[in-house]
Amino acid sequence: MAESQEIVRQPFNGVKWLIVFALVAGGVWGNFHYTDESLLYRVLGLIAITAVAIAVALQTSQGVMFWNIAKGARTEIRKVVWPTHQETVQTTLIVMVFVVITALILWGLDALLGWLSSLTIV
């Protein structure tokens, strides 16, 4: 957590982002241009172009930083102690009971204030 990440400038970072942008734009254009082709082929083409664009984006300095953050998040998720089924059911029931009690209190206040306002508008 306390690790600092330095931004390392890679020589062709801008060119790589330009390639990513060109791949995405080409995928959008190709999907629009080839509307007569089967949807399956267009989706497979878009998946392939997306995979290549992600691979190129992960080669940039921002992509490397993102990948490191994603790996760190995965490590932290593994440390989480998840509640048992019984704890989840009990907590849900407690929340539902308090929601019903709050709804009854607000309904009672609304009815009381409505009744009081009807007395004053005679």
PDB file of N, CA and C in Angstrom:
ATOM      1  N   MET A   1       0.811  -1.194   0.000  1.00  0.00           N
ATOM      2  CA  MET A   1       0.000   0.000   0.000  1.00  0.00           C
ATOM      3  C   MET A   1       0.856   1.262   0.000  1.00  0.00           C
ATOM      4  N   ALA A   2       1.944   1.236   0.750  1.00  0.00           N
ATOM      5  CA  ALA A   2       2.771   2.425   0.874  1.00  0.00           C
ATOM      6  C   ALA A   2       3.759   2.548  -0.269  1.00  0.00           C
ATOM      7  N   GLU A   3       3.697   1.640  -1.212  1.00  0.00           N
ATOM      8  CA  GLU A   3       4.614   1.695  -2.339  1.00  0.00           C
ATOM      9  C   GLU A   3       4.265   2.868  -3.240  1.00  0.00           C
ATOM     10  N   SER A   4       5.294   3.605  -3.633  1.00  0.00           N
ATOM     11  CA  SER A   4       5.048   4.688  -4.576  1.00  0.00           C
ATOM     12  C   SER A   4       5.383   4.195  -5.973  1.00  0.00           C
ATOM     13  N   GLN A   5       4.556   4.576  -6.907  1.00  0.00           N
ATOM     14  CA  GLN A   5       4.775   4.151  -8.281  1.00  0.00           C
ATOM     15  C   GLN A   5       5.303   5.333  -9.081  1.00  0.00           C
ATOM     16  N   GLU A   6       6.457   5.147  -9.667  1.00  0.00           N
ATOM     17  CA  GLU A   6       7.036   6.193 -10.486  1.00  0.00           C
ATOM     18  C   GLU A   6       6.546   6.041 -11.918  1.00  0.00           C
ATOM     19  N   ILE A   7       6.285   7.162 -12.538  1.00  0.00           N
ATOM     20  CA  ILE A   7       5.869   7.140 -13.933  1.00  0.00           C
ATOM     21  C   ILE A   7       7.130   7.069 -14.788  1.00  0.00           C
ATOM     22  N   VAL A   8       7.271   5.986 -15.494  1.00  0.00           N
ATOM     23  CA  VAL A   8       8.415   5.800 -16.380  1.00  0.00           C
ATOM     24  C   VAL A   8       7.961   6.140 -17.789  1.00  0.00           C
ATOM     25  N   ARG A   9       8.607   7.123 -18.375  1.00  0.00           N
ATOM     26  CA  ARG A   9       8.260   7.528 -19.738  1.00  0.00           C
ATOM     27  C   ARG A   9       8.834   6.518 -20.721  1.00  0.00           C
ATOM     28  N   GLN A  10       7.975   5.969 -21.528  1.00  0.00           N
ATOM     29  CA  GLN A  10       8.424   5.041 -22.549  1.00  0.00           C
ATOM     30  C   GLN A  10       8.566   5.815 -23.854  1.00  0.00           C
ATOM     31  N   PRO A  11       9.502   5.427 -24.695  1.00  0.00           N
ATOM     32  CA  PRO A  11       9.823   6.248 -25.865  1.00  0.00           C
ATOM     33  C   PRO A  11       8.676   6.431 -26.862  1.00  0.00           C
ATOM     34  N   PHE A  12       7.866   5.437 -27.103  1.00  0.00           N
ATOM     35  CA  PHE A  12       6.820   5.535 -28.112  1.00  0.00           C
ATOM     36  C   PHE A  12       5.424   5.489 -27.487  1.00  0.00           C
ATOM     37  N   ASN A  13       5.267   6.097 -26.326  1.00  0.00           N
ATOM     38  CA  ASN A  13       3.998   6.070 -25.610  1.00  0.00           C
ATOM     39  C   ASN A  13       2.882   6.722 -26.426  1.00  0.00           C
ATOM     40  N   GLY A  14       3.135   7.879 -26.991  1.00  0.00           N
ATOM     41  CA  GLY A  14       2.129   8.581 -27.785  1.00  0.00           C
ATOM     42  C   GLY A  14       1.740   7.813 -29.039  1.00  0.00           C
ATOM     43  N   VAL A  15       2.726   7.175 -29.661  1.00  0.00           N
ATOM     44  CA  VAL A  15       2.455   6.384 -30.862  1.00  0.00           C
ATOM     45  C   VAL A  15       1.571   5.191 -30.511  1.00  0.00           C
ATOM     46  N   LYS A  16       1.832   4.580 -29.373  1.00  0.00           N
ATOM     47  CA  LYS A  16       1.015   3.435 -28.947  1.00  0.00           C
ATOM     48  C   LYS A  16      -0.436   3.859 -28.710  1.00  0.00           C
ATOM     49  N   TRP A  17      -0.632   5.023 -28.077  1.00  0.00           N
ATOM     50  CA  TRP A  17      -2.004   5.495 -27.861  1.00  0.00           C
ATOM     51  C   TRP A  17      -2.674   5.847 -29.180  1.00  0.00           C
ATOM     52  N   LEU A  18      -1.905   6.349 -30.124  1.00  0.00           N
ATOM     53  CA  LEU A  18      -2.446   6.632 -31.453  1.00  0.00           C
ATOM     54  C   LEU A  18      -2.886   5.338 -32.144  1.00  0.00           C
ATOM     55  N   ILE A  19      -2.103   4.275 -31.966  1.00  0.00           N
ATOM     56  CA  ILE A  19      -2.477   2.974 -32.528  1.00  0.00           C
ATOM     57  C   ILE A  19      -3.760   2.457 -31.880  1.00  0.00           C
ATOM     58  N   VAL A  20      -3.861   2.612 -30.555  1.00  0.00           N
ATOM     59  CA  VAL A  20      -5.073   2.179 -29.851  1.00  0.00           C
ATOM     60  C   VAL A  20      -6.283   2.944 -30.382  1.00  0.00           C
ATOM     61  N   PHE A  21      -6.137   4.260 -30.516  1.00  0.00           N
ATOM     62  CA  PHE A  21      -7.242   5.075 -31.028  1.00  0.00           C
ATOM     63  C   PHE A  21      -7.614   4.653 -32.450  1.00  0.00           C
ATOM     64  N   ALA A  22      -6.600   4.399 -33.283  1.00  0.00           N
ATOM     65  CA  ALA A  22      -6.862   3.989 -34.665  1.00  0.00           C
ATOM     66  C   ALA A  22      -7.565   2.629 -34.705  1.00  0.00           C
ATOM     67  N   LEU A  23      -7.186   1.711 -33.824  1.00  0.00           N
ATOM     68  CA  LEU A  23      -7.844   0.403 -33.783  1.00  0.00           C
ATOM     69  C   LEU A  23      -9.309   0.532 -33.382  1.00  0.00           C
ATOM     70  N   VAL A  24      -9.570   1.346 -32.361  1.00  0.00           N
ATOM     71  CA  VAL A  24     -10.959   1.533 -31.910  1.00  0.00           C
ATOM     72  C   VAL A  24     -11.774   2.210 -33.013  1.00  0.00           C
ATOM     73  N   ALA A  25     -11.217   3.260 -33.608  1.00  0.00           N
ATOM     74  CA  ALA A  25     -11.932   3.951 -34.688  1.00  0.00           C
ATOM     75  C   ALA A  25     -12.147   3.019 -35.877  1.00  0.00           C
ATOM     76  N   GLY A  26     -11.147   2.206 -36.201  1.00  0.00           N
ATOM     77  CA  GLY A  26     -11.289   1.247 -37.287  1.00  0.00           C
ATOM     78  C   GLY A  26     -12.347   0.194 -36.985  1.00  0.00           C
ATOM     79  N   GLY A  27     -12.424  -0.228 -35.747  1.00  0.00           N
ATOM     80  CA  GLY A  27     -13.462  -1.184 -35.364  1.00  0.00           C
ATOM     81  C   GLY A  27     -14.853  -0.601 -35.494  1.00  0.00           C
ATOM     82  N   VAL A  28     -15.020   0.648 -35.059  1.00  0.00           N
ATOM     83  CA  VAL A  28     -16.323   1.308 -35.189  1.00  0.00           C
ATOM     84  C   VAL A  28     -16.677   1.495 -36.654  1.00  0.00           C
ATOM     85  N   TRP A  29     -15.703   1.971 -37.443  1.00  0.00           N
ATOM     86  CA  TRP A  29     -15.953   2.174 -38.869  1.00  0.00           C
ATOM     87  C   TRP A  29     -16.264   0.852 -39.564  1.00  0.00           C
ATOM     88  N   GLY A  30     -15.499  -0.195 -39.249  1.00  0.00           N
ATOM     89  CA  GLY A  30     -15.716  -1.491 -39.871  1.00  0.00           C
ATOM     90  C   GLY A  30     -17.075  -2.076 -39.523  1.00  0.00           C
ATOM     91  N   ASN A  31     -17.485  -1.911 -38.272  1.00  0.00           N
ATOM     92  CA  ASN A  31     -18.802  -2.410 -37.865  1.00  0.00           C
ATOM     93  C   ASN A  31     -19.908  -1.671 -38.603  1.00  0.00           C
ATOM     94  N   PHE A  32     -19.730  -0.378 -38.827  1.00  0.00           N
ATOM     95  CA  PHE A  32     -20.727   0.400 -39.556  1.00  0.00           C
ATOM     96  C   PHE A  32     -20.684   0.083 -41.050  1.00  0.00           C
ATOM     97  N   HIS A  33     -19.487  -0.063 -41.590  1.00  0.00           N
ATOM     98  CA  HIS A  33     -19.327  -0.258 -43.027  1.00  0.00           C
ATOM     99  C   HIS A  33     -19.790  -1.644 -43.472  1.00  0.00           C
ATOM    100  N   TYR A  34     -19.575  -2.644 -42.638  1.00  0.00           N
ATOM    101  CA  TYR A  34     -19.910  -4.018 -43.015  1.00  0.00           C
ATOM    102  C   TYR A  34     -21.217  -4.473 -42.361  1.00  0.00           C
ATOM    103  N   THR A  35     -22.238  -3.643 -42.395  1.00  0.00           N
ATOM    104  CA  THR A  35     -23.527  -4.012 -41.790  1.00  0.00           C
ATOM    105  C   THR A  35     -24.197  -5.143 -42.555  1.00  0.00           C
ATOM    106  N   ASP A  36     -23.811  -5.377 -43.802  1.00  0.00           N
ATOM    107  CA  ASP A  36     -24.409  -6.460 -44.577  1.00  0.00           C
ATOM    108  C   ASP A  36     -23.855  -7.831 -44.171  1.00  0.00           C
ATOM    109  N   GLU A  37     -22.706  -7.837 -43.518  1.00  0.00           N
ATOM    110  CA  GLU A  37     -22.104  -9.104 -43.085  1.00  0.00           C
ATOM    111  C   GLU A  37     -22.860  -9.655 -41.871  1.00  0.00           C
ATOM    112  N   SER A  38     -22.608 -10.916 -41.586  1.00  0.00           N
ATOM    113  CA  SER A  38     -23.248 -11.575 -40.450  1.00  0.00           C
ATOM    114  C   SER A  38     -22.836 -10.896 -39.136  1.00  0.00           C
ATOM    115  N   LEU A  39     -23.758 -10.831 -38.215  1.00  0.00           N
ATOM    116  CA  LEU A  39     -23.479 -10.232 -36.909  1.00  0.00           C
ATOM    117  C   LEU A  39     -22.372 -11.000 -36.194  1.00  0.00           C
ATOM    118  N   LEU A  40     -22.345 -12.302 -36.363  1.00  0.00           N
ATOM    119  CA  LEU A  40     -21.309 -13.118 -35.725  1.00  0.00           C
ATOM    120  C   LEU A  40     -19.921 -12.689 -36.172  1.00  0.00           C
ATOM    121  N   TYR A  41     -19.739 -12.484 -37.473  1.00  0.00           N
ATOM    122  CA  TYR A  41     -18.430 -12.076 -37.982  1.00  0.00           C
ATOM    123  C   TYR A  41     -18.042 -10.691 -37.479  1.00  0.00           C
ATOM    124  N   ARG A  42     -19.010  -9.806 -37.430  1.00  0.00           N
ATOM    125  CA  ARG A  42     -18.710  -8.448 -36.951  1.00  0.00           C
ATOM    126  C   ARG A  42     -18.327  -8.466 -35.476  1.00  0.00           C
ATOM    127  N   VAL A  43     -19.035  -9.250 -34.674  1.00  0.00           N
ATOM    128  CA  VAL A  43     -18.725  -9.330 -33.236  1.00  0.00           C
ATOM    129  C   VAL A  43     -17.358  -9.970 -33.038  1.00  0.00           C
ATOM    130  N   LEU A  44     -17.070 -11.042 -33.768  1.00  0.00           N
ATOM    131  CA  LEU A  44     -15.750 -11.667 -33.653  1.00  0.00           C
ATOM    132  C   LEU A  44     -14.640 -10.700 -34.052  1.00  0.00           C
ATOM    133  N   GLY A  45     -14.882  -9.915 -35.101  1.00  0.00           N
ATOM    134  CA  GLY A  45     -13.901  -8.914 -35.510  1.00  0.00           C
ATOM    135  C   GLY A  45     -13.695  -7.851 -34.451  1.00  0.00           C
ATOM    136  N   LEU A  46     -14.793  -7.393 -33.855  1.00  0.00           N
ATOM    137  CA  LEU A  46     -14.680  -6.387 -32.796  1.00  0.00           C
ATOM    138  C   LEU A  46     -13.963  -6.942 -31.575  1.00  0.00           C
ATOM    139  N   ILE A  47     -14.218  -8.198 -31.240  1.00  0.00           N
ATOM    140  CA  ILE A  47     -13.521  -8.806 -30.102  1.00  0.00           C
ATOM    141  C   ILE A  47     -12.024  -8.889 -30.384  1.00  0.00           C
ATOM    142  N   ALA A  48     -11.659  -9.268 -31.596  1.00  0.00           N
ATOM    143  CA  ALA A  48     -10.240  -9.360 -31.954  1.00  0.00           C
ATOM    144  C   ALA A  48      -9.580  -7.984 -31.923  1.00  0.00           C
ATOM    145  N   ILE A  49     -10.242  -6.985 -32.484  1.00  0.00           N
ATOM    146  CA  ILE A  49      -9.680  -5.629 -32.482  1.00  0.00           C
ATOM    147  C   ILE A  49      -9.558  -5.097 -31.055  1.00  0.00           C
ATOM    148  N   THR A  50     -10.553  -5.376 -30.224  1.00  0.00           N
ATOM    149  CA  THR A  50     -10.505  -4.935 -28.827  1.00  0.00           C
ATOM    150  C   THR A  50      -9.354  -5.601 -28.094  1.00  0.00           C
ATOM    151  N   ALA A  51      -9.141  -6.885 -28.328  1.00  0.00           N
ATOM    152  CA  ALA A  51      -8.032  -7.592 -27.674  1.00  0.00           C
ATOM    153  C   ALA A  51      -6.693  -6.991 -28.078  1.00  0.00           C
ATOM    154  N   VAL A  52      -6.535  -6.686 -29.351  1.00  0.00           N
ATOM    155  CA  VAL A  52      -5.280  -6.082 -29.815  1.00  0.00           C
ATOM    156  C   VAL A  52      -5.120  -4.682 -29.224  1.00  0.00           C
ATOM    157  N   ALA A  53      -6.197  -3.893 -29.190  1.00  0.00           N
ATOM    158  CA  ALA A  53      -6.124  -2.538 -28.639  1.00  0.00           C
ATOM    159  C   ALA A  53      -5.767  -2.584 -27.155  1.00  0.00           C
ATOM    160  N   ILE A  54      -6.337  -3.527 -26.406  1.00  0.00           N
ATOM    161  CA  ILE A  54      -6.008  -3.653 -24.981  1.00  0.00           C
ATOM    162  C   ILE A  54      -4.553  -4.077 -24.812  1.00  0.00           C
ATOM    163  N   ALA A  55      -4.103  -4.999 -25.648  1.00  0.00           N
ATOM    164  CA  ALA A  55      -2.703  -5.440 -25.564  1.00  0.00           C
ATOM    165  C   ALA A  55      -1.746  -4.286 -25.825  1.00  0.00           C
ATOM    166  N   VAL A  56      -2.062  -3.448 -26.799  1.00  0.00           N
ATOM    167  CA  VAL A  56      -1.198  -2.294 -27.090  1.00  0.00           C
ATOM    168  C   VAL A  56      -1.281  -1.273 -25.955  1.00  0.00           C
ATOM    169  N   ALA A  57      -2.496  -1.047 -25.429  1.00  0.00           N
ATOM    170  CA  ALA A  57      -2.663  -0.069 -24.345  1.00  0.00           C
ATOM    171  C   ALA A  57      -1.915  -0.501 -23.092  1.00  0.00           C
ATOM    172  N   LEU A  58      -1.849  -1.807 -22.836  1.00  0.00           N
ATOM    173  CA  LEU A  58      -1.127  -2.284 -21.653  1.00  0.00           C
ATOM    174  C   LEU A  58       0.384  -2.150 -21.800  1.00  0.00           C
ATOM    175  N   GLN A  59       0.873  -1.843 -22.984  1.00  0.00           N
ATOM    176  CA  GLN A  59       2.300  -1.639 -23.199  1.00  0.00           C
ATOM    177  C   GLN A  59       2.723  -0.197 -22.901  1.00  0.00           C
ATOM    178  N   THR A  60       1.754   0.695 -22.677  1.00  0.00           N
ATOM    179  CA  THR A  60       2.073   2.086 -22.355  1.00  0.00           C
ATOM    180  C   THR A  60       2.363   2.213 -20.866  1.00  0.00           C
ATOM    181  N   SER A  61       2.917   3.347 -20.457  1.00  0.00           N
ATOM    182  CA  SER A  61       3.219   3.539 -19.037  1.00  0.00           C
ATOM    183  C   SER A  61       1.939   3.585 -18.206  1.00  0.00           C
ATOM    184  N   GLN A  62       0.883   4.216 -18.730  1.00  0.00           N
ATOM    185  CA  GLN A  62      -0.385   4.234 -18.013  1.00  0.00           C
ATOM    186  C   GLN A  62      -0.989   2.834 -17.931  1.00  0.00           C
ATOM    187  N   GLY A  63      -0.815   2.048 -18.983  1.00  0.00           N
ATOM    188  CA  GLY A  63      -1.311   0.675 -18.983  1.00  0.00           C
ATOM    189  C   GLY A  63      -0.598  -0.189 -17.960  1.00  0.00           C
ATOM    190  N   VAL A  64       0.706   0.001 -17.833  1.00  0.00           N
ATOM    191  CA  VAL A  64       1.473  -0.747 -16.835  1.00  0.00           C
ATOM    192  C   VAL A  64       1.010  -0.369 -15.435  1.00  0.00           C
ATOM    193  N   MET A  65       0.799   0.937 -15.198  1.00  0.00           N
ATOM    194  CA  MET A  65       0.316   1.370 -13.884  1.00  0.00           C
ATOM    195  C   MET A  65      -1.065   0.798 -13.599  1.00  0.00           C
ATOM    196  N   PHE A  66      -1.952   0.798 -14.601  1.00  0.00           N
ATOM    197  CA  PHE A  66      -3.281   0.230 -14.424  1.00  0.00           C
ATOM    198  C   PHE A  66      -3.200  -1.255 -14.080  1.00  0.00           C
ATOM    199  N   TRP A  67      -2.337  -1.980 -14.775  1.00  0.00           N
ATOM    200  CA  TRP A  67      -2.208  -3.410 -14.534  1.00  0.00           C
ATOM    201  C   TRP A  67      -1.692  -3.667 -13.117  1.00  0.00           C
ATOM    202  N   ASN A  68      -0.755  -2.849 -12.636  1.00  0.00           N
ATOM    203  CA  ASN A  68      -0.254  -3.000 -11.268  1.00  0.00           C
ATOM    204  C   ASN A  68      -1.352  -2.725 -10.247  1.00  0.00           C
ATOM    205  N   ILE A  69      -2.174  -1.717 -10.504  1.00  0.00           N
ATOM    206  CA  ILE A  69      -3.283  -1.413  -9.593  1.00  0.00           C
ATOM    207  C   ILE A  69      -4.295  -2.549  -9.596  1.00  0.00           C
ATOM    208  N   ALA A  70      -4.576  -3.117 -10.762  1.00  0.00           N
ATOM    209  CA  ALA A  70      -5.530  -4.223 -10.850  1.00  0.00           C
ATOM    210  C   ALA A  70      -5.011  -5.449 -10.094  1.00  0.00           C
ATOM    211  N   LYS A  71      -3.726  -5.734 -10.205  1.00  0.00           N
ATOM    212  CA  LYS A  71      -3.154  -6.864  -9.464  1.00  0.00           C
ATOM    213  C   LYS A  71      -3.220  -6.606  -7.958  1.00  0.00           C
ATOM    214  N   GLY A  72      -2.961  -5.364  -7.540  1.00  0.00           N
ATOM    215  CA  GLY A  72      -3.049  -5.026  -6.121  1.00  0.00           C
ATOM    216  C   GLY A  72      -4.474  -5.143  -5.592  1.00  0.00           C
ATOM    217  N   ALA A  73      -5.438  -4.733  -6.406  1.00  0.00           N
ATOM    218  CA  ALA A  73      -6.837  -4.840  -6.002  1.00  0.00           C
ATOM    219  C   ALA A  73      -7.247  -6.297  -5.855  1.00  0.00           C
ATOM    220  N   ARG A  74      -6.766  -7.138  -6.764  1.00  0.00           N
ATOM    221  CA  ARG A  74      -7.080  -8.561  -6.674  1.00  0.00           C
ATOM    222  C   ARG A  74      -6.503  -9.158  -5.393  1.00  0.00           C
ATOM    223  N   THR A  75      -5.300  -8.745  -5.030  1.00  0.00           N
ATOM    224  CA  THR A  75      -4.689  -9.221  -3.787  1.00  0.00           C
ATOM    225  C   THR A  75      -5.506  -8.778  -2.578  1.00  0.00           C
ATOM    226  N   GLU A  76      -5.972  -7.540  -2.598  1.00  0.00           N
ATOM    227  CA  GLU A  76      -6.764  -7.033  -1.474  1.00  0.00           C
ATOM    228  C   GLU A  76      -8.119  -7.730  -1.376  1.00  0.00           C
ATOM    229  N   ILE A  77      -8.723  -8.056  -2.513  1.00  0.00           N
ATOM    230  CA  ILE A  77     -10.019  -8.750  -2.491  1.00  0.00           C
ATOM    231  C   ILE A  77      -9.868 -10.125  -1.863  1.00  0.00           C
ATOM    232  N   ARG A  78      -8.740 -10.769  -2.082  1.00  0.00           N
ATOM    233  CA  ARG A  78      -8.518 -12.084  -1.484  1.00  0.00           C
ATOM    234  C   ARG A  78      -8.401 -12.004   0.034  1.00  0.00           C
ATOM    235  N   LYS A  79      -8.057 -10.840   0.577  1.00  0.00           N
ATOM    236  CA  LYS A  79      -7.920 -10.671   2.022  1.00  0.00           C
ATOM    237  C   LYS A  79      -9.247 -10.414   2.720  1.00  0.00           C
ATOM    238  N   VAL A  80     -10.297 -10.116   1.959  1.00  0.00           N
ATOM    239  CA  VAL A  80     -11.591  -9.775   2.542  1.00  0.00           C
ATOM    240  C   VAL A  80     -12.206 -11.014   3.186  1.00  0.00           C
ATOM    241  N   VAL A  81     -12.759 -10.831   4.388  1.00  0.00           N
ATOM    242  CA  VAL A  81     -13.480 -11.903   5.063  1.00  0.00           C
ATOM    243  C   VAL A  81     -14.957 -11.704   4.757  1.00  0.00           C
ATOM    244  N   TRP A  82     -15.509 -12.579   3.926  1.00  0.00           N
ATOM    245  CA  TRP A  82     -16.890 -12.450   3.501  1.00  0.00           C
ATOM    246  C   TRP A  82     -17.811 -13.036   4.550  1.00  0.00           C
ATOM    247  N   PRO A  83     -19.025 -12.451   4.730  1.00  0.00           N
ATOM    248  CA  PRO A  83     -19.954 -12.985   5.738  1.00  0.00           C
ATOM    249  C   PRO A  83     -20.511 -14.338   5.314  1.00  0.00           C
ATOM    250  N   THR A  84     -20.901 -15.117   6.320  1.00  0.00           N
ATOM    251  CA  THR A  84     -21.511 -16.408   6.043  1.00  0.00           C
ATOM    252  C   THR A  84     -22.951 -16.197   5.581  1.00  0.00           C
ATOM    253  N   HIS A  85     -23.575 -17.271   5.132  1.00  0.00           N
ATOM    254  CA  HIS A  85     -24.969 -17.182   4.675  1.00  0.00           C
ATOM    255  C   HIS A  85     -25.877 -16.756   5.825  1.00  0.00           C
ATOM    256  N   GLN A  86     -25.653 -17.325   7.005  1.00  0.00           N
ATOM    257  CA  GLN A  86     -26.487 -16.988   8.172  1.00  0.00           C
ATOM    258  C   GLN A  86     -26.327 -15.516   8.542  1.00  0.00           C
ATOM    259  N   GLU A  87     -25.117 -14.996   8.530  1.00  0.00           N
ATOM    260  CA  GLU A  87     -24.903 -13.584   8.846  1.00  0.00           C
ATOM    261  C   GLU A  87     -25.581 -12.675   7.821  1.00  0.00           C
ATOM    262  N   THR A  88     -25.539 -13.069   6.568  1.00  0.00           N
ATOM    263  CA  THR A  88     -26.175 -12.274   5.517  1.00  0.00           C
ATOM    264  C   THR A  88     -27.685 -12.249   5.697  1.00  0.00           C
ATOM    265  N   VAL A  89     -28.280 -13.399   5.973  1.00  0.00           N
ATOM    266  CA  VAL A  89     -29.734 -13.470   6.169  1.00  0.00           C
ATOM    267  C   VAL A  89     -30.148 -12.657   7.390  1.00  0.00           C
ATOM    268  N   GLN A  90     -29.421 -12.778   8.489  1.00  0.00           N
ATOM    269  CA  GLN A  90     -29.764 -12.036   9.704  1.00  0.00           C
ATOM    270  C   GLN A  90     -29.650 -10.527   9.492  1.00  0.00           C
ATOM    271  N   THR A  91     -28.598 -10.098   8.833  1.00  0.00           N
ATOM    272  CA  THR A  91     -28.423  -8.670   8.576  1.00  0.00           C
ATOM    273  C   THR A  91     -29.522  -8.140   7.657  1.00  0.00           C
ATOM    274  N   THR A  92     -29.883  -8.924   6.650  1.00  0.00           N
ATOM    275  CA  THR A  92     -30.951  -8.516   5.742  1.00  0.00           C
ATOM    276  C   THR A  92     -32.276  -8.391   6.482  1.00  0.00           C
ATOM    277  N   LEU A  93     -32.570  -9.337   7.351  1.00  0.00           N
ATOM    278  CA  LEU A  93     -33.818  -9.277   8.128  1.00  0.00           C
ATOM    279  C   LEU A  93     -33.840  -8.063   9.056  1.00  0.00           C
ATOM    280  N   ILE A  94     -32.720  -7.764   9.681  1.00  0.00           N
ATOM    281  CA  ILE A  94     -32.652  -6.594  10.562  1.00  0.00           C
ATOM    282  C   ILE A  94     -32.913  -5.320   9.763  1.00  0.00           C
ATOM    283  N   VAL A  95     -32.305  -5.207   8.592  1.00  0.00           N
ATOM    284  CA  VAL A  95     -32.515  -4.029   7.751  1.00  0.00           C
ATOM    285  C   VAL A  95     -33.982  -3.927   7.338  1.00  0.00           C
ATOM    286  N   MET A  96     -34.582  -5.045   6.942  1.00  0.00           N
ATOM    287  CA  MET A  96     -35.986  -5.026   6.519  1.00  0.00           C
ATOM    288  C   MET A  96     -36.907  -4.604   7.663  1.00  0.00           C
ATOM    289  N   VAL A  97     -36.649  -5.085   8.874  1.00  0.00           N
ATOM    290  CA  VAL A  97     -37.466  -4.713  10.034  1.00  0.00           C
ATOM    291  C   VAL A  97     -37.354  -3.214  10.296  1.00  0.00           C
ATOM    292  N   PHE A  98     -36.142  -2.676  10.241  1.00  0.00           N
ATOM    293  CA  PHE A  98     -35.975  -1.243  10.481  1.00  0.00           C
ATOM    294  C   PHE A  98     -36.601  -0.400   9.373  1.00  0.00           C
ATOM    295  N   VAL A  99     -36.586  -0.877   8.140  1.00  0.00           N
ATOM    296  CA  VAL A  99     -37.243  -0.158   7.051  1.00  0.00           C
ATOM    297  C   VAL A  99     -38.744  -0.118   7.280  1.00  0.00           C
ATOM    298  N   VAL A 100     -39.324  -1.235   7.706  1.00  0.00           N
ATOM    299  CA  VAL A 100     -40.766  -1.276   7.969  1.00  0.00           C
ATOM    300  C   VAL A 100     -41.120  -0.365   9.141  1.00  0.00           C
ATOM    301  N   ILE A 101     -40.328  -0.392  10.203  1.00  0.00           N
ATOM    302  CA  ILE A 101     -40.588   0.478  11.356  1.00  0.00           C
ATOM    303  C   ILE A 101     -40.493   1.946  10.951  1.00  0.00           C
ATOM    304  N   THR A 102     -39.469   2.301  10.183  1.00  0.00           N
ATOM    305  CA  THR A 102     -39.318   3.683   9.724  1.00  0.00           C
ATOM    306  C   THR A 102     -40.480   4.084   8.823  1.00  0.00           C
ATOM    307  N   ALA A 103     -40.915   3.190   7.947  1.00  0.00           N
ATOM    308  CA  ALA A 103     -42.051   3.488   7.075  1.00  0.00           C
ATOM    309  C   ALA A 103     -43.312   3.718   7.886  1.00  0.00           C
ATOM    310  N   LEU A 104     -43.544   2.922   8.932  1.00  0.00           N
ATOM    311  CA  LEU A 104     -44.734   3.108   9.779  1.00  0.00           C
ATOM    312  C   LEU A 104     -44.672   4.432  10.539  1.00  0.00           C
ATOM    313  N   ILE A 105     -43.491   4.779  11.021  1.00  0.00           N
ATOM    314  CA  ILE A 105     -43.344   6.062  11.730  1.00  0.00           C
ATOM    315  C   ILE A 105     -43.624   7.223  10.780  1.00  0.00           C
ATOM    316  N   LEU A 106     -43.048   7.176   9.573  1.00  0.00           N
ATOM    317  CA  LEU A 106     -43.283   8.258   8.617  1.00  0.00           C
ATOM    318  C   LEU A 106     -44.738   8.298   8.168  1.00  0.00           C
ATOM    319  N   TRP A 107     -45.362   7.144   7.977  1.00  0.00           N
ATOM    320  CA  TRP A 107     -46.779   7.108   7.617  1.00  0.00           C
ATOM    321  C   TRP A 107     -47.626   7.726   8.728  1.00  0.00           C
ATOM    322  N   GLY A 108     -47.294   7.406   9.987  1.00  0.00           N
ATOM    323  CA  GLY A 108     -48.028   7.980  11.121  1.00  0.00           C
ATOM    324  C   GLY A 108     -47.844   9.490  11.204  1.00  0.00           C
ATOM    325  N   LEU A 109     -46.638   9.976  11.023  1.00  0.00           N
ATOM    326  CA  LEU A 109     -46.398  11.421  11.047  1.00  0.00           C
ATOM    327  C   LEU A 109     -47.132  12.118   9.910  1.00  0.00           C
ATOM    328  N   ASP A 110     -47.126  11.498   8.733  1.00  0.00           N
ATOM    329  CA  ASP A 110     -47.831  12.074   7.592  1.00  0.00           C
ATOM    330  C   ASP A 110     -49.327  12.146   7.866  1.00  0.00           C
ATOM    331  N   ALA A 111     -49.874  11.081   8.409  1.00  0.00           N
ATOM    332  CA  ALA A 111     -51.307  11.074   8.720  1.00  0.00           C
ATOM    333  C   ALA A 111     -51.631  12.115   9.784  1.00  0.00           C
ATOM    334  N   LEU A 112     -50.791  12.228  10.812  1.00  0.00           N
ATOM    335  CA  LEU A 112     -51.030  13.204  11.884  1.00  0.00           C
ATOM    336  C   LEU A 112     -50.944  14.628  11.350  1.00  0.00           C
ATOM    337  N   LEU A 113     -49.910  14.926  10.576  1.00  0.00           N
ATOM    338  CA  LEU A 113     -49.766  16.276  10.031  1.00  0.00           C
ATOM    339  C   LEU A 113     -50.871  16.591   9.028  1.00  0.00           C
ATOM    340  N   GLY A 114     -51.285  15.594   8.254  1.00  0.00           N
ATOM    341  CA  GLY A 114     -52.416  15.803   7.333  1.00  0.00           C
ATOM    342  C   GLY A 114     -53.693  16.087   8.085  1.00  0.00           C
ATOM    343  N   TRP A 115     -53.921  15.378   9.167  1.00  0.00           N
ATOM    344  CA  TRP A 115     -55.132  15.593   9.976  1.00  0.00           C
ATOM    345  C   TRP A 115     -55.083  16.977  10.621  1.00  0.00           C
ATOM    346  N   LEU A 116     -53.898  17.383  11.142  1.00  0.00           N
ATOM    347  CA  LEU A 116     -53.786  18.710  11.755  1.00  0.00           C
ATOM    348  C   LEU A 116     -53.972  19.813  10.733  1.00  0.00           C
ATOM    349  N   SER A 117     -53.455  19.643   9.556  1.00  0.00           N
ATOM    350  CA  SER A 117     -53.630  20.684   8.534  1.00  0.00           C
ATOM    351  C   SER A 117     -55.077  20.740   8.044  1.00  0.00           C
ATOM    352  N   SER A 118     -55.792  19.626   8.045  1.00  0.00           N
ATOM    353  CA  SER A 118     -57.190  19.666   7.645  1.00  0.00           C
ATOM    354  C   SER A 118     -58.051  20.382   8.680  1.00  0.00           C
ATOM    355  N   LEU A 119     -57.634  20.395   9.944  1.00  0.00           N
ATOM    356  CA  LEU A 119     -58.363  21.126  10.962  1.00  0.00           C
ATOM    357  C   LEU A 119     -58.200  22.634  10.830  1.00  0.00           C
ATOM    358  N   THR A 120     -57.038  23.068  10.338  1.00  0.00           N
ATOM    359  CA  THR A 120     -56.777  24.503  10.260  1.00  0.00           C
ATOM    360  C   THR A 120     -57.346  25.130   9.002  1.00  0.00           C
ATOM    361  N   ILE A 121     -57.730  24.363   7.985  1.00  0.00           N
ATOM    362  CA  ILE A 121     -58.215  24.908   6.717  1.00  0.00           C
ATOM    363  C   ILE A 121     -59.729  24.923   6.689  1.00  0.00           C
ATOM    364  N   VAL A 122     -60.370  25.099   7.688  1.00  0.00           N
ATOM    365  CA  VAL A 122     -61.833  25.050   7.712  1.00  0.00           C
ATOM    366  C   VAL A 122     -62.446  26.207   7.029  1.00  0.00           C
TER     367      VAL A 122
END
